[in-house]
PDB file of N, CA and C in Angstrom:
ATOM      1  N   MET A   1      87.062 -65.622  -2.351  1.00  0.00           N
ATOM      2  CA  MET A   1      85.655 -65.516  -2.647  1.00  0.00           C
ATOM      3  C   MET A   1      85.065 -64.665  -1.275  1.00  0.00           C
ATOM      4  N   ALA A   2      84.143 -63.887  -1.577  1.00  0.00           N
ATOM      5  CA  ALA A   2      83.695 -63.324  -0.193  1.00  0.00           C
ATOM      6  C   ALA A   2      82.844 -63.935   0.542  1.00  0.00           C
ATOM      7  N   ASP A   3      83.019 -64.084   1.690  1.00  0.00           N
ATOM      8  CA  ASP A   3      81.932 -64.911   2.724  1.00  0.00           C
ATOM      9  C   ASP A   3      80.330 -64.833   2.160  1.00  0.00           C
ATOM     10  N   ALA A   4      79.783 -63.696   1.897  1.00  0.00           N
ATOM     11  CA  ALA A   4      78.527 -63.641   1.511  1.00  0.00           C
ATOM     12  C   ALA A   4      78.357 -64.479   0.146  1.00  0.00           C
ATOM     13  N   SER A   5      79.222 -64.279  -0.721  1.00  0.00           N
ATOM     14  CA  SER A   5      79.097 -65.139  -1.955  1.00  0.00           C
ATOM     15  C   SER A   5      79.216 -66.552  -1.518  1.00  0.00           C
ATOM     16  N   HIS A   6      80.115 -67.032  -0.886  1.00  0.00           N
ATOM     17  CA  HIS A   6      80.452 -68.268  -0.399  1.00  0.00           C
ATOM     18  C   HIS A   6      78.799 -68.908   0.138  1.00  0.00           C
ATOM     19  N   ASP A   7      78.613 -68.250   1.017  1.00  0.00           N
ATOM     20  CA  ASP A   7      77.363 -68.377   1.911  1.00  0.00           C
ATOM     21  C   ASP A   7      76.230 -68.736   0.928  1.00  0.00           C
ATOM     22  N   GLN A   8      76.010 -67.607   0.014  1.00  0.00           N
ATOM     23  CA  GLN A   8      74.787 -67.956  -1.077  1.00  0.00           C
ATOM     24  C   GLN A   8      75.078 -69.163  -2.119  1.00  0.00           C
ATOM     25  N   LEU A   9      76.245 -69.427  -2.534  1.00  0.00           N
ATOM     26  CA  LEU A   9      76.362 -70.480  -3.284  1.00  0.00           C
ATOM     27  C   LEU A   9      76.413 -71.840  -2.188  1.00  0.00           C
ATOM     28  N   ALA A  10      76.797 -72.069  -1.232  1.00  0.00           N
ATOM     29  CA  ALA A  10      76.632 -73.141  -0.283  1.00  0.00           C
ATOM     30  C   ALA A  10      75.082 -73.401   0.004  1.00  0.00           C
ATOM     31  N   SER A  11      74.286 -72.310   0.011  1.00  0.00           N
ATOM     32  CA  SER A  11      72.705 -72.385   0.264  1.00  0.00           C
ATOM     33  C   SER A  11      72.226 -73.026  -1.097  1.00  0.00           C
ATOM     34  N   VAL A  12      72.678 -72.548  -2.339  1.00  0.00           N
ATOM     35  CA  VAL A  12      72.013 -73.046  -3.629  1.00  0.00           C
ATOM     36  C   VAL A  12      72.208 -74.524  -3.726  1.00  0.00           C
ATOM     37  N   VAL A  13      73.911 -74.875  -3.369  1.00  0.00           N
ATOM     38  CA  VAL A  13      74.056 -76.168  -3.460  1.00  0.00           C
ATOM     39  C   VAL A  13      73.327 -77.056  -2.717  1.00  0.00           C
ATOM     40  N   ARG A  14      72.921 -76.561  -1.462  1.00  0.00           N
ATOM     41  CA  ARG A  14      72.324 -77.372  -0.585  1.00  0.00           C
ATOM     42  C   ARG A  14      70.837 -77.844  -0.790  1.00  0.00           C
ATOM     43  N   GLN A  15      70.362 -76.590  -1.476  1.00  0.00           N
ATOM     44  CA  GLN A  15      68.948 -76.650  -1.825  1.00  0.00           C
ATOM     45  C   GLN A  15      68.871 -77.520  -2.878  1.00  0.00           C
ATOM     46  N   HIS A  16      69.709 -77.536  -4.021  1.00  0.00           N
ATOM     47  CA  HIS A  16      69.167 -77.997  -5.421  1.00  0.00           C
ATOM     48  C   HIS A  16      70.168 -78.741  -6.015  1.00  0.00           C
ATOM     49  N   ALA A  17      71.309 -79.184  -5.458  1.00  0.00           N
ATOM     50  CA  ALA A  17      72.430 -80.199  -6.131  1.00  0.00           C
ATOM     51  C   ALA A  17      71.786 -81.634  -6.194  1.00  0.00           C
ATOM     52  N   GLY A  18      71.030 -81.999  -5.158  1.00  0.00           N
ATOM     53  CA  GLY A  18      70.410 -83.385  -5.375  1.00  0.00           C
ATOM     54  C   GLY A  18      69.431 -83.325  -6.345  1.00  0.00           C
ATOM     55  N   GLN A  19      68.736 -82.500  -6.754  1.00  0.00           N
ATOM     56  CA  GLN A  19      67.561 -82.384  -7.688  1.00  0.00           C
ATOM     57  C   GLN A  19      68.192 -82.566  -8.952  1.00  0.00           C
ATOM     58  N   LEU A  20      69.067 -81.428  -9.073  1.00  0.00           N
ATOM     59  CA  LEU A  20      69.957 -81.305 -10.347  1.00  0.00           C
ATOM     60  C   LEU A  20      70.751 -82.596 -10.636  1.00  0.00           C
ATOM     61  N   ALA A  21      71.489 -83.272  -9.683  1.00  0.00           N
ATOM     62  CA  ALA A  21      72.076 -84.398 -10.040  1.00  0.00           C
ATOM     63  C   ALA A  21      71.118 -85.493 -10.503  1.00  0.00           C
ATOM     64  N   ALA A  22      70.024 -85.511  -9.787  1.00  0.00           N
ATOM     65  CA  ALA A  22      68.863 -86.838 -10.325  1.00  0.00           C
ATOM     66  C   ALA A  22      68.520 -86.213 -11.875  1.00  0.00           C
ATOM     67  N   ALA A  23      68.263 -85.160 -12.044  1.00  0.00           N
ATOM     68  CA  ALA A  23      67.841 -84.786 -13.380  1.00  0.00           C
ATOM     69  C   ALA A  23      68.959 -85.083 -14.378  1.00  0.00           C
ATOM     70  N   LEU A  24      70.284 -84.584 -13.924  1.00  0.00           N
ATOM     71  CA  LEU A  24      71.286 -84.994 -15.003  1.00  0.00           C
ATOM     72  C   LEU A  24      71.336 -86.383 -15.177  1.00  0.00           C
ATOM     73  N   MET A  25      71.246 -87.290 -14.119  1.00  0.00           N
ATOM     74  CA  MET A  25      71.272 -88.714 -14.182  1.00  0.00           C
ATOM     75  C   MET A  25      70.274 -89.293 -15.027  1.00  0.00           C
ATOM     76  N   ARG A  26      69.093 -88.734 -15.076  1.00  0.00           N
ATOM     77  CA  ARG A  26      68.298 -89.274 -16.070  1.00  0.00           C
ATOM     78  C   ARG A  26      68.377 -88.897 -17.316  1.00  0.00           C
ATOM     79  N   VAL A  27      69.447 -87.694 -17.748  1.00  0.00           N
ATOM     80  CA  VAL A  27      69.695 -87.565 -19.081  1.00  0.00           C
ATOM     81  C   VAL A  27      70.924 -88.207 -19.393  1.00  0.00           C
ATOM     82  N   THR A  28      71.770 -88.142 -18.739  1.00  0.00           N
ATOM     83  CA  THR A  28      73.121 -88.902 -18.908  1.00  0.00           C
ATOM     84  C   THR A  28      73.043 -90.278 -18.628  1.00  0.00           C
ATOM     85  N   GLY A  29      72.490 -90.783 -17.811  1.00  0.00           N
ATOM     86  CA  GLY A  29      72.266 -92.270 -17.568  1.00  0.00           C
ATOM     87  C   GLY A  29      73.393 -92.827 -16.735  1.00  0.00           C
ATOM     88  N   ASP A  30      74.244 -91.934 -16.400  1.00  0.00           N
ATOM     89  CA  ASP A  30      75.370 -92.081 -15.517  1.00  0.00           C
ATOM     90  C   ASP A  30      75.722 -91.176 -14.212  1.00  0.00           C
ATOM     91  N   PHE A  31      75.304 -91.760 -13.286  1.00  0.00           N
ATOM     92  CA  PHE A  31      75.630 -91.083 -11.779  1.00  0.00           C
ATOM     93  C   PHE A  31      77.154 -90.235 -11.631  1.00  0.00           C
ATOM     94  N   ALA A  32      78.199 -90.977 -12.017  1.00  0.00           N
ATOM     95  CA  ALA A  32      79.186 -90.329 -11.856  1.00  0.00           C
ATOM     96  C   ALA A  32      79.269 -89.185 -13.070  1.00  0.00           C
ATOM     97  N   THR A  33      78.920 -89.143 -14.177  1.00  0.00           N
ATOM     98  CA  THR A  33      78.658 -88.008 -14.927  1.00  0.00           C
ATOM     99  C   THR A  33      77.957 -87.008 -14.458  1.00  0.00           C
ATOM    100  N   ALA A  34      76.900 -87.109 -14.007  1.00  0.00           N
ATOM    101  CA  ALA A  34      76.116 -86.182 -13.217  1.00  0.00           C
ATOM    102  C   ALA A  34      76.404 -85.576 -12.069  1.00  0.00           C
ATOM    103  N   LYS A  35      77.040 -86.322 -11.169  1.00  0.00           N
ATOM    104  CA  LYS A  35      77.876 -85.700 -10.211  1.00  0.00           C
ATOM    105  C   LYS A  35      78.844 -84.870 -10.614  1.00  0.00           C
ATOM    106  N   ASP A  36      79.906 -85.265 -11.694  1.00  0.00           N
ATOM    107  CA  ASP A  36      80.867 -84.182 -12.398  1.00  0.00           C
ATOM    108  C   ASP A  36      80.233 -82.910 -12.814  1.00  0.00           C
ATOM    109  N   LEU A  37      78.971 -83.027 -13.519  1.00  0.00           N
ATOM    110  CA  LEU A  37      78.521 -81.791 -14.129  1.00  0.00           C
ATOM    111  C   LEU A  37      78.020 -80.951 -13.175  1.00  0.00           C
ATOM    112  N   VAL A  38      77.337 -81.383 -11.650  1.00  0.00           N
ATOM    113  CA  VAL A  38      77.050 -80.453 -10.845  1.00  0.00           C
ATOM    114  C   VAL A  38      78.230 -79.805 -10.122  1.00  0.00           C
ATOM    115  N   GLN A  39      79.170 -80.767  -9.848  1.00  0.00           N
ATOM    116  CA  GLN A  39      80.510 -80.164  -9.798  1.00  0.00           C
ATOM    117  C   GLN A  39      81.377 -78.935 -10.354  1.00  0.00           C
ATOM    118  N   ASP A  40      81.113 -79.158 -11.858  1.00  0.00           N
ATOM    119  CA  ASP A  40      81.523 -78.048 -12.696  1.00  0.00           C
ATOM    120  C   ASP A  40      80.719 -77.159 -12.652  1.00  0.00           C
ATOM    121  N   ALA A  41      79.359 -77.080 -12.267  1.00  0.00           N
ATOM    122  CA  ALA A  41      78.472 -75.823 -12.361  1.00  0.00           C
ATOM    123  C   ALA A  41      78.890 -75.040 -10.888  1.00  0.00           C
ATOM    124  N   VAL A  42      79.026 -75.731 -10.020  1.00  0.00           N
ATOM    125  CA  VAL A  42      79.667 -75.196  -8.805  1.00  0.00           C
ATOM    126  C   VAL A  42      80.886 -74.540  -8.979  1.00  0.00           C
ATOM    127  N   LEU A  43      82.089 -74.870  -9.713  1.00  0.00           N
ATOM    128  CA  LEU A  43      83.218 -74.522  -9.795  1.00  0.00           C
ATOM    129  C   LEU A  43      83.196 -73.327 -10.636  1.00  0.00           C
ATOM    130  N   ALA A  44      82.315 -73.299 -11.603  1.00  0.00           N
ATOM    131  CA  ALA A  44      81.861 -71.908 -12.540  1.00  0.00           C
ATOM    132  C   ALA A  44      81.637 -70.876 -11.656  1.00  0.00           C
ATOM    133  N   ALA A  45      80.520 -70.962 -10.844  1.00  0.00           N
ATOM    134  CA  ALA A  45      79.974 -70.206  -9.835  1.00  0.00           C
ATOM    135  C   ALA A  45      81.211 -69.578  -8.945  1.00  0.00           C
ATOM    136  N   LEU A  46      82.077 -70.390  -8.519  1.00  0.00           N
ATOM    137  CA  LEU A  46      82.979 -70.127  -7.706  1.00  0.00           C
ATOM    138  C   LEU A  46      83.941 -69.079  -8.541  1.00  0.00           C
ATOM    139  N   GLN A  47      84.164 -69.492  -9.601  1.00  0.00           N
ATOM    140  CA  GLN A  47      85.069 -68.652 -10.546  1.00  0.00           C
ATOM    141  C   GLN A  47      84.548 -67.330 -10.810  1.00  0.00           C
ATOM    142  N   HIS A  48      83.179 -67.221 -11.212  1.00  0.00           N
ATOM    143  CA  HIS A  48      82.392 -66.064 -11.638  1.00  0.00           C
ATOM    144  C   HIS A  48      82.250 -65.172 -10.290  1.00  0.00           C
ATOM    145  N   TRP A  49      81.594 -65.704  -9.123  1.00  0.00           N
ATOM    146  CA  TRP A  49      81.088 -64.864  -8.289  1.00  0.00           C
ATOM    147  C   TRP A  49      82.141 -63.895  -7.714  1.00  0.00           C
ATOM    148  N   PRO A  50      83.382 -64.013  -7.597  1.00  0.00           N
ATOM    149  CA  PRO A  50      84.317 -63.293  -6.929  1.00  0.00           C
ATOM    150  C   PRO A  50      84.622 -62.123  -7.767  1.00  0.00           C
ATOM    151  N   ALA A  51      84.414 -62.388  -9.090  1.00  0.00           N
ATOM    152  CA  ALA A  51      84.940 -61.171  -9.722  1.00  0.00           C
ATOM    153  C   ALA A  51      83.481 -60.177 -10.148  1.00  0.00           C
ATOM    154  N   GLY A  52      82.404 -60.938 -10.205  1.00  0.00           N
ATOM    155  CA  GLY A  52      81.153 -60.296 -10.752  1.00  0.00           C
ATOM    156  C   GLY A  52      80.184 -60.194  -9.627  1.00  0.00           C
ATOM    157  N   GLY A  53      80.241 -60.890  -8.544  1.00  0.00           N
ATOM    158  CA  GLY A  53      79.105 -60.921  -7.546  1.00  0.00           C
ATOM    159  C   GLY A  53      78.136 -61.794  -7.760  1.00  0.00           C
ATOM    160  N   SER A  54      77.555 -62.335  -6.886  1.00  0.00           N
ATOM    161  CA  SER A  54      76.373 -62.901  -7.416  1.00  0.00           C
ATOM    162  C   SER A  54      75.386 -62.124  -7.197  1.00  0.00           C
ATOM    163  N   ARG A  55      74.203 -62.367  -8.101  1.00  0.00           N
ATOM    164  CA  ARG A  55      73.204 -61.251  -8.376  1.00  0.00           C
ATOM    165  C   ARG A  55      72.169 -61.997  -9.081  1.00  0.00           C
ATOM    166  N   THR A  56      70.775 -61.588  -9.097  1.00  0.00           N
ATOM    167  CA  THR A  56      69.734 -62.066  -9.650  1.00  0.00           C
ATOM    168  C   THR A  56      69.961 -62.161 -11.427  1.00  0.00           C
ATOM    169  N   GLY A  57      69.640 -63.342 -11.767  1.00  0.00           N
ATOM    170  CA  GLY A  57      69.928 -63.594 -13.134  1.00  0.00           C
ATOM    171  C   GLY A  57      71.183 -64.293 -13.264  1.00  0.00           C
ATOM    172  N   CYS A  58      72.157 -64.298 -12.377  1.00  0.00           N
ATOM    173  CA  CYS A  58      73.358 -65.019 -12.770  1.00  0.00           C
ATOM    174  C   CYS A  58      73.361 -66.528 -13.149  1.00  0.00           C
ATOM    175  N   PRO A  59      73.769 -66.709 -14.061  1.00  0.00           N
ATOM    176  CA  PRO A  59      73.711 -68.106 -14.659  1.00  0.00           C
ATOM    177  C   PRO A  59      73.851 -69.247 -13.612  1.00  0.00           C
ATOM    178  N   ALA A  60      74.658 -69.016 -12.507  1.00  0.00           N
ATOM    179  CA  ALA A  60      74.645 -69.991 -11.355  1.00  0.00           C
ATOM    180  C   ALA A  60      73.649 -70.295 -10.708  1.00  0.00           C
ATOM    181  N   THR A  61      72.789 -69.120 -10.645  1.00  0.00           N
ATOM    182  CA  THR A  61      71.662 -69.502  -9.699  1.00  0.00           C
ATOM    183  C   THR A  61      70.187 -69.736 -10.691  1.00  0.00           C
ATOM    184  N   THR A  62      70.247 -69.079 -12.034  1.00  0.00           N
ATOM    185  CA  THR A  62      69.045 -69.620 -12.876  1.00  0.00           C
ATOM    186  C   THR A  62      69.210 -70.720 -13.276  1.00  0.00           C
ATOM    187  N   SER A  63      70.349 -71.259 -13.686  1.00  0.00           N
ATOM    188  CA  SER A  63      70.208 -72.508 -14.125  1.00  0.00           C
ATOM    189  C   SER A  63      69.717 -73.655 -13.471  1.00  0.00           C
ATOM    190  N   TRP A  64      69.679 -73.517 -12.031  1.00  0.00           N
ATOM    191  CA  TRP A  64      69.542 -74.608 -11.285  1.00  0.00           C
ATOM    192  C   TRP A  64      67.850 -74.580 -11.325  1.00  0.00           C
ATOM    193  N   PRO A  65      67.578 -76.164 -11.264  1.00  0.00           N
ATOM    194  CA  PRO A  65      65.795 -76.445 -11.422  1.00  0.00           C
ATOM    195  C   PRO A  65      65.206 -75.667 -10.001  1.00  0.00           C
ATOM    196  N   HIS A  66      64.025 -75.333 -10.365  1.00  0.00           N
ATOM    197  CA  HIS A  66      63.192 -74.780  -9.703  1.00  0.00           C
ATOM    198  C   HIS A  66      61.910 -75.795  -9.538  1.00  0.00           C
ATOM    199  N   GLY A  67      61.481 -76.199  -8.251  1.00  0.00           N
ATOM    200  CA  GLY A  67      60.372 -77.152  -8.292  1.00  0.00           C
ATOM    201  C   GLY A  67      59.007 -76.398  -8.170  1.00  0.00           C
TER     202      GLY A  67
END
């Protein structure tokens, strides 16, 4: 993964992972499941961004909740 993509993903995770996990906790009722779902989203971004690069409209960035 390119350093720029890694930095972008790390920034998105730092900014939104807690909020996303809390929302998923409310939906699933299970903290472990919520954490797993957040990790799955990060893994999907790690797999996608090296091939396609991060860009506006990428599901990995647009799927995060915005407050």
